[in-house]
Amino acid sequence: MTNSKNSIVYLRFLNLIQAIRQIPTFPDLDPVEERLLNLLAAGWHLGKNISVLEAMGLSTEISATTAHRRLKTLTKKGMIALDVDKVDSRVKYVVPTELAATYFTSMGQALERAQHTD
């Protein structure tokens, strides 16, 4: 393996996020939950309201049934919440919780730290 600057930064980042995953503040996320949460975050970053139905179709790699189950587990783990639409009570939107915001902040800080050489 080459020790280019980019590969070193990436490996530092992987080590830092592994440490973040072990912080008891954050729940254990399986790879599917983490992927779904990252897809949701990308939409939230763009200012999108994402319904449960839309969230279930965010990834072609995750079946709608699996996505729905993982939305339930992410809710139980406190990473997301569901807000009922004010006009149509049948529609629920997936929203990040404070815990999710803290998680994303920690991941961003890890990326910044990985890029800076000591």
Protein backbone atom coordinates (compact mmCIF):
# COMPACT_ATOMS: atom_id res chain seq x y z
CA MET A 1 0.00 0.00 0.00
CA THR A 2 1.28 3.45 -0.84
CA ASN A 3 1.70 6.01 1.87
CA SER A 4 0.44 8.97 -0.13
CA LYS A 5 -0.85 11.96 1.80
CA ASN A 6 -4.44 11.15 0.82
CA SER A 7 -4.23 7.53 1.93
CA ILE A 8 -2.72 8.58 5.27
CA VAL A 9 -5.52 11.13 5.78
CA TYR A 10 -8.12 8.50 4.93
CA LEU A 11 -6.60 5.95 7.31
CA ARG A 12 -6.47 8.56 10.08
CA PHE A 13 -10.13 9.35 9.42
CA LEU A 14 -11.06 5.65 9.62
CA ASN A 15 -9.25 5.36 12.96
CA LEU A 16 -10.98 8.45 14.31
CA ILE A 17 -14.47 7.34 13.26
CA GLN A 18 -13.82 3.95 14.79
CA ALA A 19 -13.08 5.72 18.06
CA ILE A 20 -16.26 7.81 17.70
CA ARG A 21 -18.30 4.66 17.19
CA GLN A 22 -17.06 3.38 20.54
CA ILE A 23 -18.16 6.49 22.44
CA PRO A 24 -21.05 5.42 24.69
CA THR A 25 -22.93 8.63 23.79
CA PHE A 26 -23.73 7.19 20.38
CA PRO A 27 -25.68 3.99 19.75
CA ASP A 28 -24.15 1.14 17.79
CA LEU A 29 -25.20 1.47 14.16
CA ASP A 30 -25.05 -1.44 11.78
CA PRO A 31 -23.73 -0.70 8.26
CA VAL A 32 -27.25 -0.42 6.79
CA GLU A 33 -28.36 2.02 9.50
CA GLU A 34 -25.23 4.09 8.98
CA ARG A 35 -25.70 4.13 5.20
CA LEU A 36 -29.35 5.15 5.54
CA LEU A 37 -28.49 7.85 8.08
CA ASN A 38 -25.82 9.25 5.73
CA LEU A 39 -28.28 9.29 2.82
CA LEU A 40 -30.81 11.11 4.98
CA ALA A 41 -28.14 13.59 6.10
CA ALA A 42 -27.30 14.42 2.49
CA GLY A 43 -30.94 15.28 1.86
CA TRP A 44 -31.30 17.26 5.08
CA HIS A 45 -28.17 19.21 4.18
CA LEU A 46 -29.90 20.30 0.97
CA GLY A 47 -32.92 21.44 2.98
CA LYS A 48 -35.18 18.61 1.85
CA ASN A 49 -38.10 17.29 3.86
CA ILE A 50 -37.85 13.53 3.51
CA SER A 51 -40.98 11.48 4.04
CA VAL A 52 -40.81 7.93 5.35
CA LEU A 53 -41.84 6.71 1.90
CA GLU A 54 -39.05 8.71 0.25
CA ALA A 55 -36.55 7.48 2.84
CA MET A 56 -37.50 3.90 2.03
CA GLY A 57 -36.46 4.49 -1.59
CA LEU A 58 -33.23 6.44 -1.02
CA SER A 59 -30.95 3.56 -1.90
CA THR A 60 -31.13 0.97 -4.63
CA GLU A 61 -28.86 -1.19 -2.44
CA ILE A 62 -31.37 -1.35 0.43
CA SER A 63 -34.83 -2.84 -0.06
CA ALA A 64 -37.80 -0.72 0.99
CA THR A 65 -38.67 -3.28 3.66
CA THR A 66 -35.16 -3.24 5.11
CA ALA A 67 -35.07 0.57 4.99
CA HIS A 68 -38.38 0.74 6.86
CA ARG A 69 -37.09 -1.63 9.55
CA ARG A 70 -33.90 0.41 9.89
CA LEU A 71 -35.90 3.64 10.18
CA LYS A 72 -37.67 2.04 13.13
CA THR A 73 -34.37 1.04 14.76
CA LEU A 74 -32.84 4.48 14.13
CA THR A 75 -35.90 5.97 15.85
CA LYS A 76 -35.51 3.62 18.82
CA LYS A 77 -31.81 4.49 19.01
CA GLY A 78 -32.67 8.19 19.13
CA MET A 79 -30.96 9.16 15.88
CA ILE A 80 -34.11 10.18 14.00
CA ALA A 81 -37.64 11.23 14.81
CA LEU A 82 -40.84 11.29 12.78
CA ASP A 83 -42.83 14.49 12.34
CA VAL A 84 -46.42 14.24 11.15
CA ASP A 85 -47.35 16.49 8.22
CA LYS A 86 -49.54 19.37 9.33
CA VAL A 87 -51.92 19.01 6.35
CA ASP A 88 -51.99 15.25 5.77
CA SER A 89 -51.60 13.23 8.97
CA ARG A 90 -50.86 10.10 6.93
CA VAL A 91 -47.51 11.59 5.85
CA LYS A 92 -44.58 11.46 8.28
CA TYR A 93 -41.24 13.16 7.75
CA VAL A 94 -37.92 11.77 8.95
CA VAL A 95 -36.00 14.41 10.91
CA PRO A 96 -32.64 14.34 12.67
CA THR A 97 -32.50 14.46 16.45
CA GLU A 98 -30.00 16.38 18.57
CA LEU A 99 -28.12 13.10 18.96
CA ALA A 100 -27.81 12.80 15.18
CA ALA A 101 -26.62 16.40 14.92
CA THR A 102 -23.96 15.69 17.55
CA TYR A 103 -22.96 12.54 15.68
CA PHE A 104 -22.57 14.42 12.38
CA THR A 105 -20.58 17.15 14.13
CA SER A 106 -18.25 14.52 15.62
CA MET A 107 -17.76 12.93 12.20
CA GLY A 108 -16.99 16.32 10.65
CA GLN A 109 -14.49 17.10 13.40
CA ALA A 110 -12.84 13.72 12.79
CA LEU A 111 -12.46 14.56 9.12
CA GLU A 112 -10.90 17.93 9.97
CA ARG A 113 -8.52 16.35 12.47
CA ALA A 114 -7.51 13.67 10.00
CA GLN A 115 -6.56 16.31 7.43
CA HIS A 116 -4.22 18.17 9.78
CA THR A 117 -0.82 16.72 10.32
CA ASP A 118 0.66 17.11 13.77
